[in-house]
C-alpha atoms as a PDB file:
ATOM      1  CA  MET A   1      25.528  83.864 -30.262  1.00  0.00           C
ATOM      2  CA  THR A   2      27.286  84.617 -26.778  1.00  0.00           C
ATOM      3  CA  SER A   3      30.516  86.248 -27.303  1.00  0.00           C
ATOM      4  CA  SER A   4      32.268  83.507 -25.516  1.00  0.00           C
ATOM      5  CA  HIS A   5      31.896  79.359 -25.589  1.00  0.00           C
ATOM      6  CA  ILE A   6      32.853  77.063 -23.127  1.00  0.00           C
ATOM      7  CA  LEU A   7      34.463  73.383 -24.296  1.00  0.00           C
ATOM      8  CA  LEU A   8      32.822  70.350 -23.472  1.00  0.00           C
ATOM      9  CA  CYS A   9      34.918  67.431 -23.844  1.00  0.00           C
ATOM     10  CA  PRO A  10      33.555  63.239 -24.613  1.00  0.00           C
ATOM     11  CA  GLY A  11      35.354  60.594 -22.795  1.00  0.00           C
ATOM     12  CA  GLN A  12      36.079  56.952 -23.414  1.00  0.00           C
ATOM     13  CA  GLY A  13      32.560  55.591 -23.667  1.00  0.00           C
ATOM     14  CA  ALA A  14      31.031  58.236 -26.492  1.00  0.00           C
ATOM     15  CA  GLN A  15      32.637  56.399 -29.871  1.00  0.00           C
ATOM     16  CA  THR A  16      31.092  55.153 -32.247  1.00  0.00           C
ATOM     17  CA  LEU A  17      31.137  53.806 -35.173  1.00  0.00           C
ATOM     18  CA  GLY A  18      31.230  56.875 -38.324  1.00  0.00           C
ATOM     19  CA  MET A  19      33.040  59.073 -35.945  1.00  0.00           C
ATOM     20  CA  GLY A  20      33.926  62.194 -37.445  1.00  0.00           C
ATOM     21  CA  ARG A  21      33.951  61.236 -41.128  1.00  0.00           C
ATOM     22  CA  ALA A  22      30.595  64.296 -41.500  1.00  0.00           C
ATOM     23  CA  TRP A  23      33.316  66.542 -40.293  1.00  0.00           C
ATOM     24  CA  CYS A  24      36.505  65.615 -42.396  1.00  0.00           C
ATOM     25  CA  THR A  25      33.999  65.113 -44.987  1.00  0.00           C
ATOM     26  CA  ALA A  26      32.733  69.116 -44.524  1.00  0.00           C
ATOM     27  CA  SER A  27      35.869  70.399 -43.587  1.00  0.00           C
ATOM     28  CA  PRO A  28      39.671  69.999 -44.744  1.00  0.00           C
ATOM     29  CA  ALA A  29      40.732  71.271 -41.233  1.00  0.00           C
ATOM     30  CA  ALA A  30      39.292  68.643 -39.743  1.00  0.00           C
ATOM     31  CA  ALA A  31      40.844  66.298 -42.737  1.00  0.00           C
ATOM     32  CA  ALA A  32      44.028  67.630 -42.426  1.00  0.00           C
ATOM     33  CA  LEU A  33      43.789  66.873 -38.596  1.00  0.00           C
ATOM     34  CA  PHE A  34      42.497  62.915 -38.732  1.00  0.00           C
ATOM     35  CA  ALA A  35      45.063  62.922 -41.547  1.00  0.00           C
ATOM     36  CA  SER A  36      48.276  64.032 -39.574  1.00  0.00           C
ATOM     37  CA  ALA A  37      47.166  61.549 -36.821  1.00  0.00           C
ATOM     38  CA  ASP A  38      46.873  58.569 -39.024  1.00  0.00           C
ATOM     39  CA  ALA A  39      50.366  59.375 -39.902  1.00  0.00           C
ATOM     40  CA  LEU A  40      51.718  60.037 -36.515  1.00  0.00           C
ATOM     41  CA  ILE A  41      49.827  56.889 -34.846  1.00  0.00           C
ATOM     42  CA  GLY A  42      51.154  54.909 -38.436  1.00  0.00           C
ATOM     43  CA  ASN A  43      49.810  50.747 -38.376  1.00  0.00           C
ATOM     44  CA  SER A  44      50.802  50.919 -34.580  1.00  0.00           C
ATOM     45  CA  LEU A  45      46.596  49.885 -33.693  1.00  0.00           C
ATOM     46  CA  GLY A  46      46.460  47.968 -37.416  1.00  0.00           C
ATOM     47  CA  SER A  47      45.023  50.099 -39.534  1.00  0.00           C
ATOM     48  CA  SER A  48      44.905  54.184 -39.655  1.00  0.00           C
ATOM     49  CA  LEU A  49      42.978  55.441 -36.773  1.00  0.00           C
ATOM     50  CA  SER A  50      40.712  57.559 -39.632  1.00  0.00           C
ATOM     51  CA  SER A  51      39.842  54.292 -41.298  1.00  0.00           C
ATOM     52  CA  ILE A  52      38.949  52.396 -37.788  1.00  0.00           C
ATOM     53  CA  CYS A  53      36.910  55.353 -36.506  1.00  0.00           C
ATOM     54  CA  PHE A  54      34.708  55.158 -39.848  1.00  0.00           C
ATOM     55  CA  ASP A  55      34.940  51.918 -40.966  1.00  0.00           C
ATOM     56  CA  GLY A  56      35.285  49.961 -37.604  1.00  0.00           C
ATOM     57  CA  PRO A  57      35.021  47.095 -37.103  1.00  0.00           C
ATOM     58  CA  ALA A  58      33.330  48.205 -33.693  1.00  0.00           C
ATOM     59  CA  GLU A  59      35.758  45.429 -31.405  1.00  0.00           C
ATOM     60  CA  THR A  60      38.020  47.492 -32.499  1.00  0.00           C
ATOM     61  CA  LEU A  61      37.216  50.353 -31.620  1.00  0.00           C
ATOM     62  CA  ASN A  62      35.959  50.237 -28.712  1.00  0.00           C
ATOM     63  CA  ARG A  63      38.893  48.974 -27.518  1.00  0.00           C
ATOM     64  CA  THR A  64      40.819  51.016 -25.146  1.00  0.00           C
ATOM     65  CA  ASP A  65      43.902  51.562 -26.645  1.00  0.00           C
ATOM     66  CA  VAL A  66      42.316  52.468 -29.644  1.00  0.00           C
ATOM     67  CA  SER A  67      38.866  54.616 -28.568  1.00  0.00           C
ATOM     68  CA  GLN A  68      41.678  56.463 -26.217  1.00  0.00           C
ATOM     69  CA  PRO A  69      43.642  58.479 -29.511  1.00  0.00           C
ATOM     70  CA  ALA A  70      40.140  58.007 -31.168  1.00  0.00           C
ATOM     71  CA  LEU A  71      38.234  60.434 -29.421  1.00  0.00           C
ATOM     72  CA  TYR A  72      41.312  62.815 -28.813  1.00  0.00           C
ATOM     73  CA  THR A  73      41.177  62.813 -32.762  1.00  0.00           C
ATOM     74  CA  CYS A  74      37.335  63.123 -32.946  1.00  0.00           C
ATOM     75  CA  ALA A  75      36.509  65.738 -30.208  1.00  0.00           C
ATOM     76  CA  VAL A  76      40.168  68.015 -32.066  1.00  0.00           C
ATOM     77  CA  ALA A  77      39.296  67.564 -35.740  1.00  0.00           C
ATOM     78  CA  SER A  78      35.466  69.078 -34.799  1.00  0.00           C
ATOM     79  CA  PHE A  79      36.928  71.666 -33.689  1.00  0.00           C
ATOM     80  CA  HIS A  80      39.100  73.036 -35.749  1.00  0.00           C
ATOM     81  CA  ALA A  81      36.686  72.467 -38.335  1.00  0.00           C
ATOM     82  CA  MET A  82      33.978  74.357 -35.762  1.00  0.00           C
ATOM     83  CA  GLN A  83      36.903  77.493 -35.879  1.00  0.00           C
ATOM     84  CA  THR A  84      36.913  77.498 -39.492  1.00  0.00           C
ATOM     85  CA  GLU A  85      33.340  77.691 -40.104  1.00  0.00           C
ATOM     86  CA  SER A  86      32.924  80.284 -37.440  1.00  0.00           C
ATOM     87  CA  ASN A  87      35.846  82.156 -38.416  1.00  0.00           C
ATOM     88  CA  ALA A  88      37.506  81.556 -34.992  1.00  0.00           C
ATOM     89  CA  ILE A  89      35.480  81.144 -31.573  1.00  0.00           C
ATOM     90  CA  PRO A  90      36.455  82.758 -28.637  1.00  0.00           C
ATOM     91  CA  VAL A  91      36.972  79.776 -26.149  1.00  0.00           C
ATOM     92  CA  HIS A  92      36.051  80.660 -22.327  1.00  0.00           C
ATOM     93  CA  SER A  93      37.608  77.491 -20.240  1.00  0.00           C
ATOM     94  CA  CYS A  94      37.174  74.067 -21.260  1.00  0.00           C
ATOM     95  CA  ALA A  95      36.633  70.809 -19.957  1.00  0.00           C
ATOM     96  CA  GLY A  96      36.724  67.053 -20.051  1.00  0.00           C
ATOM     97  CA  LEU A  97      35.707  63.529 -18.451  1.00  0.00           C
ATOM     98  CA  SER A  98      38.045  61.446 -18.173  1.00  0.00           C
ATOM     99  CA  LEU A  99      40.477  61.280 -21.406  1.00  0.00           C
ATOM    100  CA  GLY A 100      38.386  64.503 -22.587  1.00  0.00           C
ATOM    101  CA  GLU A 101      40.375  66.098 -20.214  1.00  0.00           C
ATOM    102  CA  TYR A 102      43.129  65.725 -21.980  1.00  0.00           C
ATOM    103  CA  THR A 103      41.686  67.425 -24.663  1.00  0.00           C
ATOM    104  CA  ALA A 104      40.501  70.107 -23.145  1.00  0.00           C
ATOM    105  CA  LEU A 105      43.933  70.896 -21.609  1.00  0.00           C
ATOM    106  CA  HIS A 106      45.344  70.500 -25.797  1.00  0.00           C
ATOM    107  CA  LEU A 107      42.383  72.577 -26.722  1.00  0.00           C
ATOM    108  CA  ALA A 108      43.775  74.929 -23.841  1.00  0.00           C
ATOM    109  CA  GLY A 109      48.038  75.129 -24.653  1.00  0.00           C
ATOM    110  CA  ALA A 110      48.919  73.231 -22.375  1.00  0.00           C
ATOM    111  CA  PHE A 111      50.509  71.153 -25.235  1.00  0.00           C
ATOM    112  CA  SER A 112      50.886  70.325 -29.489  1.00  0.00           C
ATOM    113  CA  PHE A 113      48.394  68.302 -30.703  1.00  0.00           C
ATOM    114  CA  ALA A 114      51.079  65.419 -31.455  1.00  0.00           C
ATOM    115  CA  ASP A 115      52.334  65.862 -27.777  1.00  0.00           C
ATOM    116  CA  GLY A 116      48.425  64.474 -26.686  1.00  0.00           C
ATOM    117  CA  LEU A 117      48.224  61.941 -28.972  1.00  0.00           C
ATOM    118  CA  ARG A 118      50.971  60.242 -27.762  1.00  0.00           C
ATOM    119  CA  LEU A 119      50.164  60.734 -24.240  1.00  0.00           C
ATOM    120  CA  VAL A 120      46.411  59.548 -25.050  1.00  0.00           C
ATOM    121  CA  ALA A 121      47.439  56.235 -27.146  1.00  0.00           C
ATOM    122  CA  MET A 122      50.250  55.307 -24.020  1.00  0.00           C
ATOM    123  CA  ARG A 123      47.500  55.992 -21.617  1.00  0.00           C
ATOM    124  CA  GLY A 124      45.008  53.944 -23.186  1.00  0.00           C
ATOM    125  CA  ARG A 125      47.369  51.047 -23.838  1.00  0.00           C
ATOM    126  CA  ALA A 126      48.678  51.416 -19.735  1.00  0.00           C
ATOM    127  CA  MET A 127      45.103  50.966 -19.248  1.00  0.00           C
ATOM    128  CA  GLN A 128      44.146  48.327 -21.425  1.00  0.00           C
ATOM    129  CA  GLU A 129      47.576  46.534 -19.859  1.00  0.00           C
ATOM    130  CA  ALA A 130      46.443  46.867 -16.240  1.00  0.00           C
ATOM    131  CA  ALA A 131      43.028  45.882 -16.768  1.00  0.00           C
ATOM    132  CA  GLN A 132      44.200  42.695 -18.349  1.00  0.00           C
ATOM    133  CA  ALA A 133      46.779  41.989 -16.021  1.00  0.00           C
ATOM    134  CA  SER A 134      43.626  42.401 -13.178  1.00  0.00           C
ATOM    135  CA  GLU A 135      40.771  41.010 -13.005  1.00  0.00           C
ATOM    136  CA  GLY A 136      37.904  43.896 -13.081  1.00  0.00           C
ATOM    137  CA  GLY A 137      35.248  45.843 -13.419  1.00  0.00           C
ATOM    138  CA  MET A 138      32.744  48.573 -13.503  1.00  0.00           C
ATOM    139  CA  VAL A 139      29.379  49.219 -11.857  1.00  0.00           C
ATOM    140  CA  ALA A 140      26.886  51.664 -12.878  1.00  0.00           C
ATOM    141  CA  LEU A 141      24.733  52.772  -9.554  1.00  0.00           C
ATOM    142  CA  ILE A 142      21.357  54.684 -10.083  1.00  0.00           C
ATOM    143  CA  GLY A 143      19.948  56.400  -7.879  1.00  0.00           C
ATOM    144  CA  ALA A 144      22.412  56.569  -5.342  1.00  0.00           C
ATOM    145  CA  ASP A 145      24.094  60.128  -3.102  1.00  0.00           C
ATOM    146  CA  GLU A 146      27.517  59.435  -2.868  1.00  0.00           C
ATOM    147  CA  SER A 147      26.835  58.397   0.546  1.00  0.00           C
ATOM    148  CA  GLN A 148      24.518  55.491  -0.588  1.00  0.00           C
ATOM    149  CA  ALA A 149      27.093  54.694  -3.355  1.00  0.00           C
ATOM    150  CA  GLN A 150      29.873  54.635  -0.580  1.00  0.00           C
ATOM    151  CA  ALA A 151      27.763  52.163   1.760  1.00  0.00           C
ATOM    152  CA  VAL A 152      27.486  49.834  -1.120  1.00  0.00           C
ATOM    153  CA  CYS A 153      31.116  49.861  -1.215  1.00  0.00           C
ATOM    154  CA  ASP A 154      31.965  49.388   2.528  1.00  0.00           C
ATOM    155  CA  GLY A 155      29.037  46.309   2.192  1.00  0.00           C
ATOM    156  CA  ALA A 156      30.370  44.510  -1.144  1.00  0.00           C
ATOM    157  CA  ALA A 157      34.429  44.972  -0.918  1.00  0.00           C
ATOM    158  CA  GLN A 158      35.077  42.259   1.367  1.00  0.00           C
ATOM    159  CA  GLY A 159      38.885  42.923   1.559  1.00  0.00           C
ATOM    160  CA  GLN A 160      38.859  43.381  -2.393  1.00  0.00           C
ATOM    161  CA  VAL A 161      39.338  46.600  -4.195  1.00  0.00           C
ATOM    162  CA  LEU A 162      35.835  48.998  -4.305  1.00  0.00           C
ATOM    163  CA  VAL A 163      35.398  52.537  -4.628  1.00  0.00           C
ATOM    164  CA  CYS A 164      33.433  54.980  -6.409  1.00  0.00           C
ATOM    165  CA  ALA A 165      35.165  55.490  -9.498  1.00  0.00           C
ATOM    166  CA  ASN A 166      32.577  57.900 -11.542  1.00  0.00           C
ATOM    167  CA  PHE A 167      29.920  60.800 -10.108  1.00  0.00           C
ATOM    168  CA  ASN A 168      28.501  61.662 -13.889  1.00  0.00           C
ATOM    169  CA  ALA A 169      25.263  63.598 -12.555  1.00  0.00           C
ATOM    170  CA  PRO A 170      23.273  63.493  -9.251  1.00  0.00           C
ATOM    171  CA  GLY A 171      22.033  59.961  -9.361  1.00  0.00           C
ATOM    172  CA  GLN A 172      24.534  58.279 -11.516  1.00  0.00           C
ATOM    173  CA  ILE A 173      27.517  57.327  -9.922  1.00  0.00           C
ATOM    174  CA  VAL A 174      30.077  54.171 -11.552  1.00  0.00           C
ATOM    175  CA  LEU A 175      32.032  51.636  -8.530  1.00  0.00           C
ATOM    176  CA  SER A 176      34.862  50.560  -9.879  1.00  0.00           C
ATOM    177  CA  GLY A 177      37.052  47.172  -8.139  1.00  0.00           C
ATOM    178  CA  HIS A 178      37.513  43.491  -8.563  1.00  0.00           C
ATOM    179  CA  ALA A 179      34.976  41.370 -10.961  1.00  0.00           C
ATOM    180  CA  SER A 180      34.168  39.435  -7.463  1.00  0.00           C
ATOM    181  CA  ALA A 181      32.853  42.950  -5.704  1.00  0.00           C
ATOM    182  CA  CYS A 182      31.124  44.260  -8.262  1.00  0.00           C
ATOM    183  CA  ASP A 183      29.085  41.702  -8.470  1.00  0.00           C
ATOM    184  CA  ARG A 184      28.298  41.718  -5.423  1.00  0.00           C
ATOM    185  CA  ALA A 185      27.589  45.079  -5.170  1.00  0.00           C
ATOM    186  CA  VAL A 186      24.833  44.305  -7.522  1.00  0.00           C
ATOM    187  CA  GLU A 187      23.070  42.856  -4.739  1.00  0.00           C
ATOM    188  CA  VAL A 188      24.108  44.781  -2.161  1.00  0.00           C
ATOM    189  CA  ALA A 189      22.823  47.549  -4.506  1.00  0.00           C
ATOM    190  CA  ALA A 190      19.326  45.775  -4.832  1.00  0.00           C
ATOM    191  CA  ALA A 191      18.941  45.038  -0.797  1.00  0.00           C
ATOM    192  CA  ASN A 192      19.663  48.870  -0.519  1.00  0.00           C
ATOM    193  CA  GLY A 193      16.601  50.264  -2.414  1.00  0.00           C
ATOM    194  CA  CYS A 194      19.300  51.083  -5.931  1.00  0.00           C
ATOM    195  CA  ARG A 195      19.615  50.138  -9.436  1.00  0.00           C
ATOM    196  CA  ALA A 196      22.943  48.540 -10.457  1.00  0.00           C
ATOM    197  CA  THR A 197      24.061  47.086 -13.693  1.00  0.00           C
ATOM    198  CA  ARG A 198      27.121  46.045 -14.690  1.00  0.00           C
ATOM    199  CA  LEU A 199      29.294  48.229 -17.269  1.00  0.00           C
ATOM    200  CA  GLN A 200      31.166  46.219 -20.411  1.00  0.00           C
ATOM    201  CA  VAL A 201      34.157  47.946 -19.911  1.00  0.00           C
ATOM    202  CA  ALA A 202      37.800  46.563 -20.436  1.00  0.00           C
ATOM    203  CA  GLY A 203      38.577  47.027 -17.028  1.00  0.00           C
ATOM    204  CA  ALA A 204      38.510  48.743 -12.950  1.00  0.00           C
ATOM    205  CA  PHE A 205      39.165  52.150 -14.372  1.00  0.00           C
ATOM    206  CA  HIS A 206      39.695  55.262 -11.875  1.00  0.00           C
ATOM    207  CA  SER A 207      40.236  52.592  -8.769  1.00  0.00           C
ATOM    208  CA  PRO A 208      43.877  51.262  -7.580  1.00  0.00           C
ATOM    209  CA  LEU A 209      43.787  48.823 -10.564  1.00  0.00           C
ATOM    210  CA  MET A 210      45.201  51.151 -12.575  1.00  0.00           C
ATOM    211  CA  ALA A 211      48.202  51.914 -10.567  1.00  0.00           C
ATOM    212  CA  PRO A 212      50.959  49.801 -12.775  1.00  0.00           C
ATOM    213  CA  ALA A 213      49.243  52.486 -15.807  1.00  0.00           C
ATOM    214  CA  ALA A 214      49.763  55.679 -13.723  1.00  0.00           C
ATOM    215  CA  VAL A 215      53.429  54.959 -13.039  1.00  0.00           C
ATOM    216  CA  GLN A 216      53.683  54.194 -16.717  1.00  0.00           C
ATOM    217  CA  LEU A 217      51.456  57.899 -17.408  1.00  0.00           C
ATOM    218  CA  ARG A 218      53.785  59.646 -14.838  1.00  0.00           C
ATOM    219  CA  GLN A 219      57.454  58.414 -16.917  1.00  0.00           C
ATOM    220  CA  ALA A 220      55.486  59.254 -20.049  1.00  0.00           C
ATOM    221  CA  LEU A 221      54.667  62.697 -18.926  1.00  0.00           C
ATOM    222  CA  GLU A 222      58.172  63.509 -17.445  1.00  0.00           C
ATOM    223  CA  THR A 223      59.167  63.543 -21.718  1.00  0.00           C
ATOM    224  CA  VAL A 224      56.124  66.234 -22.851  1.00  0.00           C
ATOM    225  CA  PRO A 225      56.830  69.920 -22.026  1.00  0.00           C
ATOM    226  CA  PHE A 226      53.412  71.576 -21.143  1.00  0.00           C
ATOM    227  CA  HIS A 227      53.181  75.056 -21.316  1.00  0.00           C
ATOM    228  CA  PRO A 228      50.919  78.150 -19.542  1.00  0.00           C
ATOM    229  CA  LEU A 229      46.897  77.480 -19.998  1.00  0.00           C
ATOM    230  CA  GLN A 230      45.129  80.156 -22.042  1.00  0.00           C
ATOM    231  CA  CYS A 231      42.243  79.243 -20.532  1.00  0.00           C
ATOM    232  CA  PRO A 232      40.943  77.877 -17.294  1.00  0.00           C
ATOM    233  CA  VAL A 233      40.815  73.696 -17.837  1.00  0.00           C
ATOM    234  CA  TRP A 234      38.242  72.094 -15.116  1.00  0.00           C
ATOM    235  CA  SER A 235      40.220  69.198 -12.951  1.00  0.00           C
ATOM    236  CA  ASN A 236      38.525  65.550 -12.492  1.00  0.00           C
ATOM    237  CA  VAL A 237      40.337  65.455  -9.261  1.00  0.00           C
ATOM    238  CA  THR A 238      39.229  68.418  -7.930  1.00  0.00           C
ATOM    239  CA  ALA A 239      36.603  69.291  -9.671  1.00  0.00           C
ATOM    240  CA  LYS A 240      38.801  72.797  -9.989  1.00  0.00           C
ATOM    241  CA  THR A 241      40.023  74.731 -12.184  1.00  0.00           C
ATOM    242  CA  HIS A 242      43.835  73.974 -12.865  1.00  0.00           C
ATOM    243  CA  ALA A 243      46.197  75.669 -12.314  1.00  0.00           C
ATOM    244  CA  GLU A 244      47.338  77.772 -15.112  1.00  0.00           C
ATOM    245  CA  ASN A 245      51.188  78.185 -14.265  1.00  0.00           C
ATOM    246  CA  ASP A 246      51.721  75.014 -12.812  1.00  0.00           C
ATOM    247  CA  PRO A 247      52.969  71.856 -14.857  1.00  0.00           C
ATOM    248  CA  GLN A 248      54.347  69.757 -12.186  1.00  0.00           C
ATOM    249  CA  LEU A 249      51.111  69.773 -10.183  1.00  0.00           C
ATOM    250  CA  LEU A 250      49.058  69.783 -13.284  1.00  0.00           C
ATOM    251  CA  LYS A 251      51.147  66.398 -14.176  1.00  0.00           C
ATOM    252  CA  GLU A 252      50.131  65.151 -10.991  1.00  0.00           C
ATOM    253  CA  LEU A 253      46.323  65.297 -11.145  1.00  0.00           C
ATOM    254  CA  LEU A 254      46.655  63.307 -14.519  1.00  0.00           C
ATOM    255  CA  VAL A 255      48.471  60.968 -13.115  1.00  0.00           C
ATOM    256  CA  GLU A 256      45.894  60.616  -9.701  1.00  0.00           C
ATOM    257  CA  GLN A 257      43.296  60.933 -12.476  1.00  0.00           C
ATOM    258  CA  LEU A 258      43.987  57.541 -12.867  1.00  0.00           C
ATOM    259  CA  VAL A 259      43.371  55.663  -9.826  1.00  0.00           C
ATOM    260  CA  ASN A 260      40.902  58.307  -8.137  1.00  0.00           C
ATOM    261  CA  PRO A 261      37.065  59.150  -9.078  1.00  0.00           C
ATOM    262  CA  VAL A 262      36.255  61.842 -11.587  1.00  0.00           C
ATOM    263  CA  ARG A 263      34.265  63.974  -9.969  1.00  0.00           C
ATOM    264  CA  TRP A 264      32.090  65.372 -13.245  1.00  0.00           C
ATOM    265  CA  SER A 265      29.130  66.518 -11.786  1.00  0.00           C
ATOM    266  CA  GLN A 266      30.845  68.095  -9.178  1.00  0.00           C
ATOM    267  CA  SER A 267      33.056  69.886 -11.644  1.00  0.00           C
ATOM    268  CA  MET A 268      29.979  70.979 -13.929  1.00  0.00           C
ATOM    269  CA  SER A 269      27.798  72.714 -10.738  1.00  0.00           C
ATOM    270  CA  ALA A 270      31.293  73.942  -9.824  1.00  0.00           C
ATOM    271  CA  LEU A 271      31.588  75.563 -13.199  1.00  0.00           C
ATOM    272  CA  VAL A 272      28.036  76.685 -13.602  1.00  0.00           C
ATOM    273  CA  ALA A 273      28.233  78.659 -10.244  1.00  0.00           C
ATOM    274  CA  ALA A 274      31.316  80.212 -11.464  1.00  0.00           C
ATOM    275  CA  LEU A 275      30.359  81.438 -15.201  1.00  0.00           C
ATOM    276  CA  CYS A 276      26.896  80.396 -16.499  1.00  0.00           C
ATOM    277  CA  LEU A 277      24.682  83.067 -13.784  1.00  0.00           C
ATOM    278  CA  GLY A 278      24.023  86.418 -15.304  1.00  0.00           C
ATOM    279  CA  ALA A 279      23.312  87.748 -18.454  1.00  0.00           C
ATOM    280  CA  HIS A 280      26.685  87.828 -20.037  1.00  0.00           C
ATOM    281  CA  ARG A 281      26.729  83.704 -19.302  1.00  0.00           C
ATOM    282  CA  PRO A 282      29.071  81.491 -21.763  1.00  0.00           C
ATOM    283  CA  SER A 283      27.497  79.247 -24.733  1.00  0.00           C
ATOM    284  CA  LEU A 284      28.006  75.497 -23.703  1.00  0.00           C
ATOM    285  CA  HIS A 285      29.320  72.921 -26.858  1.00  0.00           C
ATOM    286  CA  GLU A 286      30.080  69.325 -26.732  1.00  0.00           C
ATOM    287  CA  LEU A 287      32.322  68.843 -28.729  1.00  0.00           C
ATOM    288  CA  ALA A 288      32.253  65.486 -30.980  1.00  0.00           C
ATOM    289  CA  PRO A 289      31.584  62.484 -31.310  1.00  0.00           C
ATOM    290  CA  GLY A 290      27.636  62.139 -29.082  1.00  0.00           C
ATOM    291  CA  SER A 291      25.673  63.951 -27.279  1.00  0.00           C
ATOM    292  CA  VAL A 292      26.947  62.208 -23.708  1.00  0.00           C
ATOM    293  CA  LEU A 293      27.503  65.501 -21.878  1.00  0.00           C
ATOM    294  CA  LYS A 294      24.754  67.009 -23.100  1.00  0.00           C
ATOM    295  CA  GLY A 295      22.433  64.469 -21.733  1.00  0.00           C
ATOM    296  CA  LEU A 296      24.344  64.304 -17.894  1.00  0.00           C
ATOM    297  CA  MET A 297      24.163  67.894 -17.805  1.00  0.00           C
ATOM    298  CA  ARG A 298      20.130  68.045 -18.226  1.00  0.00           C
ATOM    299  CA  ARG A 299      20.968  66.168 -15.068  1.00  0.00           C
ATOM    300  CA  ILE A 300      23.243  67.972 -13.250  1.00  0.00           C
ATOM    301  CA  ASP A 301      22.078  72.033 -13.747  1.00  0.00           C
ATOM    302  CA  ARG A 302      18.477  71.444 -16.197  1.00  0.00           C
ATOM    303  CA  SER A 303      19.576  75.674 -16.804  1.00  0.00           C
ATOM    304  CA  CYS A 304      22.287  75.155 -18.992  1.00  0.00           C
ATOM    305  CA  GLU A 305      22.200  74.387 -22.664  1.00  0.00           C
ATOM    306  CA  VAL A 306      24.245  72.470 -24.079  1.00  0.00           C
ATOM    307  CA  THR A 307      24.983  72.629 -27.818  1.00  0.00           C
ATOM    308  CA  SER A 308      26.365  69.161 -28.935  1.00  0.00           C
ATOM    309  CA  HIS A 309      28.466  68.565 -32.730  1.00  0.00           C
ATOM    310  CA  ASP A 310      28.708  65.264 -33.630  1.00  0.00           C
ATOM    311  CA  GLN A 311      27.740  66.705 -37.201  1.00  0.00           C
ATOM    312  CA  PRO A 312      28.583  69.403 -38.825  1.00  0.00           C
ATOM    313  CA  ALA A 313      25.809  72.235 -38.674  1.00  0.00           C
ATOM    314  CA  LYS A 314      24.538  71.769 -42.158  1.00  0.00           C
ATOM    315  CA  GLN A 315      24.460  68.315 -41.780  1.00  0.00           C
ATOM    316  CA  GLU A 316      22.789  68.250 -38.271  1.00  0.00           C
ATOM    317  CA  SER A 317      20.173  70.419 -40.137  1.00  0.00           C
ATOM    318  CA  VAL A 318      19.720  68.366 -42.708  1.00  0.00           C
ATOM    319  CA  GLU A 319      19.284  65.072 -40.412  1.00  0.00           C
ATOM    320  CA  SER A 320      16.244  67.103 -38.618  1.00  0.00           C
ATOM    321  CA  LYS A 321      14.140  68.122 -41.331  1.00  0.00           C
ATOM    322  CA  GLN A 322      14.507  64.563 -42.459  1.00  0.00           C
ATOM    323  CA  ALA A 323      13.470  63.364 -39.028  1.00  0.00           C
END
């Protein structure tokens, strides 16, 4: 095992029914973390956060206001459990996709678990409200580069909002905007030789239609104390590392993240170039749930192997033997 680890933290869309249950069964540290989240969230979601994660229903877990605190809690719980299993793994740097950036920042020491949970719960509610107030949607483009994606936006917007929202990996770009513009984008993309699929999401995330949520998030961030980062964290907006001791700039970039594209592909390419060359490269580890980021890294740079920790190591080995 290498001497240090890069932690990758999943974003919305990685949630799945039963997430975190195996970690809580295997690790008292993970169970305590979920219990803490349950106490902080209370009944604001209709039932406890842990029961929604473990038992659903899926339509509740998939709600933006639920999935965001659920994903944050599950990822942090898996990290605490891994720390116990491995007698404290040294963290070299962190990165998170959209919502996952908050997980990464917490793990780097920017704010407490409780403050982070309150922030992501509020962020999820604000995004849900903004989505309900605007008829928005998202479209996945397969096989397009940034200039082709922008051409689809230019051809389909017709005075409405339609922007590039997620640069997930080479050839995988997500557009976001008004629902009717998204419908037109599917047709324009097909005419330009790109595959396009409407996504089943609540609204136009990472677009100007999230501006009302950004206003609420800015107000919430002002109430949370931020601390100097203890390790580098990659920004979704700039695809560079955050300044380690500039809390106001960090908060501003988190606000901008709601209405600007997530540059995950560019962030990971920069991370690989900066950190993963040479004999003493850190190892990359994806926190629970799922393995979405592992799949994206295969498209970004196949030379970098990501270890996913959707399940505890013993559970993973049992499942691999059964398979």
